[in-house]
Amino acid sequence: MCSSDLKKPKKIKEEHLALFLDNLSDVLKVYLEKSRSERKKALRMSSIGKPDRRVWMEVNGPEREQELPADALMRFLYGSIIEELVLFLVREAGHLVTSEQKEVNVNGVTGHLDCKIDGEVIDVKSASGFSFKKFQQGTLRENDPFGYMYQLAGYEKAEGTNEGGFLAINKESGEVALYQPEELDKPNVESRIDDLIEMFSIQQIPDKCYQPIPAGTKGNMKLPMGCVYCPHKIECHSDTNNGKGLRMFKYAKGIEYLTSVRSLPR
């Protein structure tokens, strides 16, 4: 499938349209009808590639998903709708899409596939322009804070396939890219799961995932980007600012979370 296909008028297959509308209905129900704290806490395939402390907090920390602000939930809903649109277009382009949301298991850790396309595991991602470049240029393995590579490797291990990848769409430009990592670039998912199980058996929270970085030139320190979008940042950094916790300052470009304030920002 390529973007140029959209410029060619074509009769839509009614079965594809019906499935697309059914899937959209399911997405809306998940986001608008169900409580976001219903899901039981457990180690999941979507988490195993994240930093140790974040994985630990997702299983043992307080529930924070239900407290996400409305704009964040809207972004997630928008992304899910776009991903369903992509799969609709994939079907219209003549590819076989199967195994949507199929549950899989590797060493006791479960997950759900986005789908298989022509028999290979494909994870569909809606991305910002900046994140899209990782898929377009094949550099995801070098900067993968959400553990997407581990997730793909886990799904492929469960399904016994090895030529899967990521079908990404740039939410800003509409560009689409298929990234199929080389086999040697994929992590050892079974070894990672064993390490995490051992980590939980110790019952001791791991060290912080990232260290604070300078906020300007006056000695203030702030959370790095890897922490800013983590729902557990408040609890995780409760010891900052001499035990008072994070201090938040709103700027035109967004909120900064300061771990140390030596000079009060304006």
C-alpha atoms as a PDB file:
ATOM      1  CA  MET A   1       0.000   0.000   0.000  1.00  0.00           C
ATOM      2  CA  CYS A   2       1.254   3.499  -0.788  1.00  0.00           C
ATOM      3  CA  SER A   3      -0.258   6.941  -0.434  1.00  0.00           C
ATOM      4  CA  SER A   4      -0.554   7.319  -4.208  1.00  0.00           C
ATOM      5  CA  ASP A   5      -3.203   4.559  -4.206  1.00  0.00           C
ATOM      6  CA  LEU A   6      -5.599   7.028  -2.586  1.00  0.00           C
ATOM      7  CA  LYS A   7      -5.539   9.196  -5.712  1.00  0.00           C
ATOM      8  CA  LYS A   8      -7.056   6.422  -7.837  1.00  0.00           C
ATOM      9  CA  PRO A   9     -10.876   6.238  -7.584  1.00  0.00           C
ATOM     10  CA  LYS A  10     -11.944   2.743  -6.611  1.00  0.00           C
ATOM     11  CA  LYS A  11     -15.126   0.993  -5.560  1.00  0.00           C
ATOM     12  CA  ILE A  12     -14.912   0.227  -1.835  1.00  0.00           C
ATOM     13  CA  LYS A  13     -15.603  -3.366  -0.857  1.00  0.00           C
ATOM     14  CA  GLU A  14     -18.656  -3.416   1.348  1.00  0.00           C
ATOM     15  CA  GLU A  15     -17.271  -6.130   3.629  1.00  0.00           C
ATOM     16  CA  HIS A  16     -14.154  -4.022   4.288  1.00  0.00           C
ATOM     17  CA  LEU A  17     -16.256  -0.961   5.056  1.00  0.00           C
ATOM     18  CA  ALA A  18     -18.524  -2.934   7.416  1.00  0.00           C
ATOM     19  CA  LEU A  19     -15.520  -4.348   9.293  1.00  0.00           C
ATOM     20  CA  PHE A  20     -13.941  -0.889   9.546  1.00  0.00           C
ATOM     21  CA  LEU A  21     -17.113   0.574  11.038  1.00  0.00           C
ATOM     22  CA  ASP A  22     -17.435  -2.335  13.482  1.00  0.00           C
ATOM     23  CA  ASN A  23     -13.830  -1.838  14.596  1.00  0.00           C
ATOM     24  CA  LEU A  24     -14.384   1.901  15.033  1.00  0.00           C
ATOM     25  CA  SER A  25     -17.393   1.139  17.199  1.00  0.00           C
ATOM     26  CA  ASP A  26     -15.241  -1.126  19.394  1.00  0.00           C
ATOM     27  CA  VAL A  27     -12.560   1.561  19.723  1.00  0.00           C
ATOM     28  CA  LEU A  28     -15.087   4.176  20.841  1.00  0.00           C
ATOM     29  CA  LYS A  29     -16.588   1.811  23.400  1.00  0.00           C
ATOM     30  CA  VAL A  30     -13.177   1.013  24.858  1.00  0.00           C
ATOM     31  CA  TYR A  31     -12.274   4.686  25.280  1.00  0.00           C
ATOM     32  CA  LEU A  32     -15.656   6.132  26.221  1.00  0.00           C
ATOM     33  CA  GLU A  33     -17.598   3.409  28.015  1.00  0.00           C
ATOM     34  CA  LYS A  34     -15.099   1.323  29.971  1.00  0.00           C
ATOM     35  CA  SER A  35     -13.284   2.337  33.147  1.00  0.00           C
ATOM     36  CA  ARG A  36      -9.579   2.766  32.482  1.00  0.00           C
ATOM     37  CA  SER A  37      -8.720   1.078  35.776  1.00  0.00           C
ATOM     38  CA  GLU A  38     -10.621  -2.165  35.137  1.00  0.00           C
ATOM     39  CA  ARG A  39      -7.636  -4.046  33.758  1.00  0.00           C
ATOM     40  CA  LYS A  40      -5.846  -6.211  36.307  1.00  0.00           C
ATOM     41  CA  LYS A  41      -2.238  -5.254  36.909  1.00  0.00           C
ATOM     42  CA  ALA A  42       0.174  -7.798  35.469  1.00  0.00           C
ATOM     43  CA  LEU A  43       3.322  -8.047  33.409  1.00  0.00           C
ATOM     44  CA  ARG A  44       2.300  -7.687  29.764  1.00  0.00           C
ATOM     45  CA  MET A  45       4.015  -7.952  26.406  1.00  0.00           C
ATOM     46  CA  SER A  46       3.496  -4.241  25.804  1.00  0.00           C
ATOM     47  CA  SER A  47       5.558  -3.438  28.920  1.00  0.00           C
ATOM     48  CA  ILE A  48       8.535  -5.776  28.864  1.00  0.00           C
ATOM     49  CA  GLY A  49      10.767  -3.493  26.808  1.00  0.00           C
ATOM     50  CA  LYS A  50      10.302  -0.442  29.022  1.00  0.00           C
ATOM     51  CA  PRO A  51      12.917   0.494  31.675  1.00  0.00           C
ATOM     52  CA  ASP A  52      12.899  -1.769  34.753  1.00  0.00           C
ATOM     53  CA  ARG A  53      11.563   0.792  37.205  1.00  0.00           C
ATOM     54  CA  ARG A  54       8.653   1.749  34.953  1.00  0.00           C
ATOM     55  CA  VAL A  55       7.723  -1.921  34.506  1.00  0.00           C
ATOM     56  CA  TRP A  56       7.887  -2.363  38.282  1.00  0.00           C
ATOM     57  CA  MET A  57       5.663   0.679  38.831  1.00  0.00           C
ATOM     58  CA  GLU A  58       3.117  -0.500  36.256  1.00  0.00           C
ATOM     59  CA  VAL A  59       2.674  -3.736  38.195  1.00  0.00           C
ATOM     60  CA  ASN A  60       3.189  -2.556  41.792  1.00  0.00           C
ATOM     61  CA  GLY A  61       2.616   1.199  41.710  1.00  0.00           C
ATOM     62  CA  PRO A  62      -0.644   3.129  42.188  1.00  0.00           C
ATOM     63  CA  GLU A  63      -3.206   3.232  39.416  1.00  0.00           C
ATOM     64  CA  ARG A  64      -2.685   6.366  37.318  1.00  0.00           C
ATOM     65  CA  GLU A  65      -4.172   5.601  33.930  1.00  0.00           C
ATOM     66  CA  GLN A  66      -7.623   6.788  34.972  1.00  0.00           C
ATOM     67  CA  GLU A  67      -6.179  10.182  35.871  1.00  0.00           C
ATOM     68  CA  LEU A  68      -4.831  10.950  32.410  1.00  0.00           C
ATOM     69  CA  PRO A  69      -5.987  14.398  31.259  1.00  0.00           C
ATOM     70  CA  ALA A  70      -8.680  14.635  28.623  1.00  0.00           C
ATOM     71  CA  ASP A  71      -6.292  15.902  25.936  1.00  0.00           C
ATOM     72  CA  ALA A  72      -4.042  12.852  26.406  1.00  0.00           C
ATOM     73  CA  LEU A  73      -6.986  10.480  26.147  1.00  0.00           C
ATOM     74  CA  MET A  74      -8.110  12.319  23.009  1.00  0.00           C
ATOM     75  CA  ARG A  75      -4.662  11.789  21.453  1.00  0.00           C
ATOM     76  CA  PHE A  76      -4.809   8.073  22.209  1.00  0.00           C
ATOM     77  CA  LEU A  77      -8.349   7.802  20.822  1.00  0.00           C
ATOM     78  CA  TYR A  78      -7.359   9.730  17.700  1.00  0.00           C
ATOM     79  CA  GLY A  79      -4.355   7.454  17.212  1.00  0.00           C
ATOM     80  CA  SER A  80      -6.470   4.310  17.526  1.00  0.00           C
ATOM     81  CA  ILE A  81      -8.953   5.618  14.957  1.00  0.00           C
ATOM     82  CA  ILE A  82      -6.142   6.387  12.507  1.00  0.00           C
ATOM     83  CA  GLU A  83      -4.690   2.903  12.987  1.00  0.00           C
ATOM     84  CA  GLU A  84      -8.052   1.341  12.109  1.00  0.00           C
ATOM     85  CA  LEU A  85      -8.165   3.530   8.987  1.00  0.00           C
ATOM     86  CA  VAL A  86      -4.717   2.272   7.982  1.00  0.00           C
ATOM     87  CA  LEU A  87      -5.839  -1.363   8.254  1.00  0.00           C
ATOM     88  CA  PHE A  88      -8.948  -0.569   6.212  1.00  0.00           C
ATOM     89  CA  LEU A  89      -6.737   0.830   3.450  1.00  0.00           C
ATOM     90  CA  VAL A  90      -4.417  -2.184   3.686  1.00  0.00           C
ATOM     91  CA  ARG A  91      -7.385  -4.457   3.039  1.00  0.00           C
ATOM     92  CA  GLU A  92      -8.551  -2.263   0.179  1.00  0.00           C
ATOM     93  CA  ALA A  93      -5.071  -2.541  -1.331  1.00  0.00           C
ATOM     94  CA  GLY A  94      -5.515  -6.305  -1.549  1.00  0.00           C
ATOM     95  CA  HIS A  95      -3.571  -7.557   1.473  1.00  0.00           C
ATOM     96  CA  LEU A  96      -4.829 -10.211   3.870  1.00  0.00           C
ATOM     97  CA  VAL A  97      -5.314  -8.906   7.423  1.00  0.00           C
ATOM     98  CA  THR A  98      -5.843 -11.561  10.093  1.00  0.00           C
ATOM     99  CA  SER A  99      -5.396 -12.242  13.840  1.00  0.00           C
ATOM    100  CA  GLU A 100      -6.558  -8.791  14.971  1.00  0.00           C
ATOM    101  CA  GLN A 101      -6.231  -8.525  18.775  1.00  0.00           C
ATOM    102  CA  LYS A 102      -5.298 -12.214  19.020  1.00  0.00           C
ATOM    103  CA  GLU A 103      -4.053 -13.078  22.518  1.00  0.00           C
ATOM    104  CA  VAL A 104      -0.606 -14.662  22.638  1.00  0.00           C
ATOM    105  CA  ASN A 105       1.602 -15.931  25.458  1.00  0.00           C
ATOM    106  CA  VAL A 106       5.359 -16.225  25.946  1.00  0.00           C
ATOM    107  CA  ASN A 107       6.631 -17.720  29.220  1.00  0.00           C
ATOM    108  CA  GLY A 108       3.453 -16.701  31.013  1.00  0.00           C
ATOM    109  CA  VAL A 109       3.391 -13.135  29.700  1.00  0.00           C
ATOM    110  CA  THR A 110       0.379 -12.328  27.550  1.00  0.00           C
ATOM    111  CA  GLY A 111      -0.205  -9.735  24.889  1.00  0.00           C
ATOM    112  CA  HIS A 112      -2.509  -8.944  21.984  1.00  0.00           C
ATOM    113  CA  LEU A 113      -1.384  -8.625  18.374  1.00  0.00           C
ATOM    114  CA  ASP A 114      -2.489  -5.654  16.364  1.00  0.00           C
ATOM    115  CA  CYS A 115      -2.746  -8.032  13.436  1.00  0.00           C
ATOM    116  CA  LYS A 116      -0.972 -10.139  10.862  1.00  0.00           C
ATOM    117  CA  ILE A 117      -0.661  -8.866   7.306  1.00  0.00           C
ATOM    118  CA  ASP A 118      -0.062 -11.537   4.680  1.00  0.00           C
ATOM    119  CA  GLY A 119       0.892 -13.938   7.453  1.00  0.00           C
ATOM    120  CA  GLU A 120       3.457 -11.759   9.237  1.00  0.00           C
ATOM    121  CA  VAL A 121       3.069  -9.978  12.584  1.00  0.00           C
ATOM    122  CA  ILE A 122       2.552  -6.253  12.064  1.00  0.00           C
ATOM    123  CA  ASP A 123       2.292  -3.620  14.786  1.00  0.00           C
ATOM    124  CA  VAL A 124       0.414  -0.556  13.524  1.00  0.00           C
ATOM    125  CA  LYS A 125       1.658   2.754  14.938  1.00  0.00           C
ATOM    126  CA  SER A 126       0.320   6.290  14.588  1.00  0.00           C
ATOM    127  CA  ALA A 127       3.239   8.621  15.266  1.00  0.00           C
ATOM    128  CA  SER A 128       4.226  12.260  15.483  1.00  0.00           C
ATOM    129  CA  GLY A 129       6.518  13.601  12.791  1.00  0.00           C
ATOM    130  CA  PHE A 130       9.539  13.179  15.061  1.00  0.00           C
ATOM    131  CA  SER A 131       8.713   9.598  16.081  1.00  0.00           C
ATOM    132  CA  PHE A 132       7.738   8.620  12.545  1.00  0.00           C
ATOM    133  CA  LYS A 133      11.328   9.124  11.403  1.00  0.00           C
ATOM    134  CA  LYS A 134      12.429   6.187  13.570  1.00  0.00           C
ATOM    135  CA  PHE A 135      10.246   3.883  11.486  1.00  0.00           C
ATOM    136  CA  GLN A 136      10.880   5.589   8.167  1.00  0.00           C
ATOM    137  CA  GLN A 137      14.662   5.604   8.621  1.00  0.00           C
ATOM    138  CA  GLY A 138      14.897   2.286  10.477  1.00  0.00           C
ATOM    139  CA  THR A 139      16.502   3.766  13.603  1.00  0.00           C
ATOM    140  CA  LEU A 140      13.952   2.591  16.178  1.00  0.00           C
ATOM    141  CA  ARG A 141      16.404   0.073  17.672  1.00  0.00           C
ATOM    142  CA  GLU A 142      18.687   2.976  18.651  1.00  0.00           C
ATOM    143  CA  ASN A 143      15.997   4.856  20.602  1.00  0.00           C
ATOM    144  CA  ASP A 144      13.119   2.686  21.764  1.00  0.00           C
ATOM    145  CA  PRO A 145      11.911   4.000  25.167  1.00  0.00           C
ATOM    146  CA  PHE A 146       8.528   2.266  24.924  1.00  0.00           C
ATOM    147  CA  GLY A 147       9.982  -1.151  24.100  1.00  0.00           C
ATOM    148  CA  TYR A 148       8.331  -1.598  20.712  1.00  0.00           C
ATOM    149  CA  MET A 149      11.078  -3.944  19.510  1.00  0.00           C
ATOM    150  CA  TYR A 150      10.584  -6.257  22.491  1.00  0.00           C
ATOM    151  CA  GLN A 151       6.845  -6.224  21.856  1.00  0.00           C
ATOM    152  CA  LEU A 152       7.294  -7.246  18.222  1.00  0.00           C
ATOM    153  CA  ALA A 153       9.846  -9.916  19.163  1.00  0.00           C
ATOM    154  CA  GLY A 154       7.428 -11.334  21.725  1.00  0.00           C
ATOM    155  CA  TYR A 155       4.564 -11.548  19.266  1.00  0.00           C
ATOM    156  CA  GLU A 156       6.773 -13.194  16.678  1.00  0.00           C
ATOM    157  CA  LYS A 157       8.089 -15.689  19.224  1.00  0.00           C
ATOM    158  CA  ALA A 158       4.532 -16.673  20.079  1.00  0.00           C
ATOM    159  CA  GLU A 159       3.501 -16.957  16.426  1.00  0.00           C
ATOM    160  CA  GLY A 160       6.664 -18.620  15.104  1.00  0.00           C
ATOM    161  CA  THR A 161       7.277 -15.958  12.447  1.00  0.00           C
ATOM    162  CA  ASN A 162      10.293 -13.711  11.810  1.00  0.00           C
ATOM    163  CA  GLU A 163       9.578 -11.204   9.032  1.00  0.00           C
ATOM    164  CA  GLY A 164       7.165  -8.906  10.821  1.00  0.00           C
ATOM    165  CA  GLY A 165       7.493  -5.222  11.470  1.00  0.00           C
ATOM    166  CA  PHE A 166       5.830  -1.883  12.055  1.00  0.00           C
ATOM    167  CA  LEU A 167       3.366  -0.139   9.776  1.00  0.00           C
ATOM    168  CA  ALA A 168       3.588   3.496  10.849  1.00  0.00           C
ATOM    169  CA  ILE A 169       1.600   6.538   9.804  1.00  0.00           C
ATOM    170  CA  ASN A 170       2.702  10.121  10.358  1.00  0.00           C
ATOM    171  CA  LYS A 171      -0.286  11.846  11.988  1.00  0.00           C
ATOM    172  CA  GLU A 172       1.005  15.228  10.812  1.00  0.00           C
ATOM    173  CA  SER A 173       1.816  14.558   7.155  1.00  0.00           C
ATOM    174  CA  GLY A 174      -0.126  11.404   6.286  1.00  0.00           C
ATOM    175  CA  GLU A 175       3.040   9.559   5.208  1.00  0.00           C
ATOM    176  CA  VAL A 176       3.095   5.789   5.682  1.00  0.00           C
ATOM    177  CA  ALA A 177       6.175   3.607   6.220  1.00  0.00           C
ATOM    178  CA  LEU A 178       6.742  -0.115   6.717  1.00  0.00           C
ATOM    179  CA  TYR A 179       9.739  -0.936   8.909  1.00  0.00           C
ATOM    180  CA  GLN A 180      10.805  -4.595   9.079  1.00  0.00           C
ATOM    181  CA  PRO A 181      13.780  -4.902  11.460  1.00  0.00           C
ATOM    182  CA  GLU A 182      16.595  -7.292  10.694  1.00  0.00           C
ATOM    183  CA  GLU A 183      16.464 -10.477  12.767  1.00  0.00           C
ATOM    184  CA  LEU A 184      19.741  -9.615  14.514  1.00  0.00           C
ATOM    185  CA  ASP A 185      18.273  -6.282  15.647  1.00  0.00           C
ATOM    186  CA  LYS A 186      15.440  -7.970  17.547  1.00  0.00           C
ATOM    187  CA  PRO A 187      16.009  -8.510  21.279  1.00  0.00           C
ATOM    188  CA  ASN A 188      15.876 -11.841  23.116  1.00  0.00           C
ATOM    189  CA  VAL A 189      12.391 -11.651  24.579  1.00  0.00           C
ATOM    190  CA  GLU A 190      12.575 -14.860  26.647  1.00  0.00           C
ATOM    191  CA  SER A 191      15.743 -13.720  28.399  1.00  0.00           C
ATOM    192  CA  ARG A 192      14.133 -10.342  29.131  1.00  0.00           C
ATOM    193  CA  ILE A 193      11.044 -11.978  30.641  1.00  0.00           C
ATOM    194  CA  ASP A 194      13.245 -14.178  32.858  1.00  0.00           C
ATOM    195  CA  ASP A 195      15.108 -11.079  34.080  1.00  0.00           C
ATOM    196  CA  LEU A 196      11.860  -9.278  34.894  1.00  0.00           C
ATOM    197  CA  ILE A 197      10.433 -12.252  36.768  1.00  0.00           C
ATOM    198  CA  GLU A 198      13.617 -12.357  38.848  1.00  0.00           C
ATOM    199  CA  MET A 199      13.318  -8.597  39.453  1.00  0.00           C
ATOM    200  CA  PHE A 200       9.799  -9.003  40.832  1.00  0.00           C
ATOM    201  CA  SER A 201      10.870 -11.900  43.042  1.00  0.00           C
ATOM    202  CA  ILE A 202      13.373  -9.636  44.828  1.00  0.00           C
ATOM    203  CA  GLN A 203      10.569  -7.234  45.809  1.00  0.00           C
ATOM    204  CA  GLN A 204      12.826  -4.187  45.654  1.00  0.00           C
ATOM    205  CA  ILE A 205      12.063  -1.236  43.410  1.00  0.00           C
ATOM    206  CA  PRO A 206      14.794  -0.717  40.765  1.00  0.00           C
ATOM    207  CA  ASP A 207      16.817   2.468  40.385  1.00  0.00           C
ATOM    208  CA  LYS A 208      15.250   5.387  38.529  1.00  0.00           C
ATOM    209  CA  CYS A 209      15.116   4.990  34.775  1.00  0.00           C
ATOM    210  CA  TYR A 210      16.679   8.371  33.930  1.00  0.00           C
ATOM    211  CA  GLN A 211      18.592  11.109  35.707  1.00  0.00           C
ATOM    212  CA  PRO A 212      17.457  14.769  35.797  1.00  0.00           C
ATOM    213  CA  ILE A 213      18.890  17.137  33.200  1.00  0.00           C
ATOM    214  CA  PRO A 214      19.684  20.871  33.382  1.00  0.00           C
ATOM    215  CA  ALA A 215      16.750  23.278  32.989  1.00  0.00           C
ATOM    216  CA  GLY A 216      18.407  26.404  31.667  1.00  0.00           C
ATOM    217  CA  THR A 217      21.676  27.834  32.945  1.00  0.00           C
ATOM    218  CA  LYS A 218      20.819  28.830  36.535  1.00  0.00           C
ATOM    219  CA  GLY A 219      21.270  25.468  38.230  1.00  0.00           C
ATOM    220  CA  ASN A 220      17.709  24.164  38.026  1.00  0.00           C
ATOM    221  CA  MET A 221      17.198  20.509  37.101  1.00  0.00           C
ATOM    222  CA  LYS A 222      14.204  18.927  35.378  1.00  0.00           C
ATOM    223  CA  LEU A 223      12.846  15.567  34.307  1.00  0.00           C
ATOM    224  CA  PRO A 224      14.112  14.243  30.970  1.00  0.00           C
ATOM    225  CA  MET A 225      11.593  13.410  28.246  1.00  0.00           C
ATOM    226  CA  GLY A 226      11.619   9.714  29.156  1.00  0.00           C
ATOM    227  CA  CYS A 227      10.059  10.629  32.521  1.00  0.00           C
ATOM    228  CA  VAL A 228       7.748  13.452  31.432  1.00  0.00           C
ATOM    229  CA  TYR A 229       5.236  11.117  29.767  1.00  0.00           C
ATOM    230  CA  CYS A 230       5.384   8.448  32.477  1.00  0.00           C
ATOM    231  CA  PRO A 231       2.166   8.274  34.557  1.00  0.00           C
ATOM    232  CA  HIS A 232       4.197   7.368  37.660  1.00  0.00           C
ATOM    233  CA  LYS A 233       6.537  10.373  37.689  1.00  0.00           C
ATOM    234  CA  ILE A 234       4.938  11.999  40.754  1.00  0.00           C
ATOM    235  CA  GLU A 235       5.443   8.955  43.001  1.00  0.00           C
ATOM    236  CA  CYS A 236       8.749   8.030  41.416  1.00  0.00           C
ATOM    237  CA  HIS A 237      10.265  11.460  42.103  1.00  0.00           C
ATOM    238  CA  SER A 238       8.597  12.217  45.436  1.00  0.00           C
ATOM    239  CA  ASP A 239      12.078  12.580  47.004  1.00  0.00           C
ATOM    240  CA  THR A 240      13.070  15.528  44.802  1.00  0.00           C
ATOM    241  CA  ASN A 241      13.252  19.170  45.936  1.00  0.00           C
ATOM    242  CA  ASN A 242      14.432  18.093  49.401  1.00  0.00           C
ATOM    243  CA  GLY A 243      11.554  15.668  49.830  1.00  0.00           C
ATOM    244  CA  LYS A 244       8.804  18.041  48.669  1.00  0.00           C
ATOM    245  CA  GLY A 245       8.464  16.332  45.307  1.00  0.00           C
ATOM    246  CA  LEU A 246       8.340  17.671  41.778  1.00  0.00           C
ATOM    247  CA  ARG A 247       7.586  21.326  41.132  1.00  0.00           C
ATOM    248  CA  MET A 248       5.680  22.107  37.949  1.00  0.00           C
ATOM    249  CA  PHE A 249       6.039  25.281  35.901  1.00  0.00           C
ATOM    250  CA  LYS A 250       3.949  26.045  32.861  1.00  0.00           C
ATOM    251  CA  TYR A 251       5.681  27.592  29.856  1.00  0.00           C
ATOM    252  CA  ALA A 252       4.423  28.405  26.371  1.00  0.00           C
ATOM    253  CA  LYS A 253       5.923  25.133  25.120  1.00  0.00           C
ATOM    254  CA  GLY A 254       4.315  23.086  27.914  1.00  0.00           C
ATOM    255  CA  ILE A 255       4.876  22.027  31.519  1.00  0.00           C
ATOM    256  CA  GLU A 256       8.354  21.405  32.912  1.00  0.00           C
ATOM    257  CA  TYR A 257       8.816  19.200  35.972  1.00  0.00           C
ATOM    258  CA  LEU A 258      11.671  20.509  38.110  1.00  0.00           C
ATOM    259  CA  THR A 259      13.503  18.180  40.476  1.00  0.00           C
ATOM    260  CA  SER A 260      15.666  20.944  41.912  1.00  0.00           C
ATOM    261  CA  VAL A 261      14.903  24.690  42.009  1.00  0.00           C
ATOM    262  CA  ARG A 262      17.865  26.943  42.763  1.00  0.00           C
ATOM    263  CA  SER A 263      16.521  29.928  40.873  1.00  0.00           C
ATOM    264  CA  LEU A 264      12.763  30.437  40.820  1.00  0.00           C
ATOM    265  CA  PRO A 265      11.547  30.541  37.205  1.00  0.00           C
ATOM    266  CA  ARG A 266       9.435  33.442  36.082  1.00  0.00           C
END
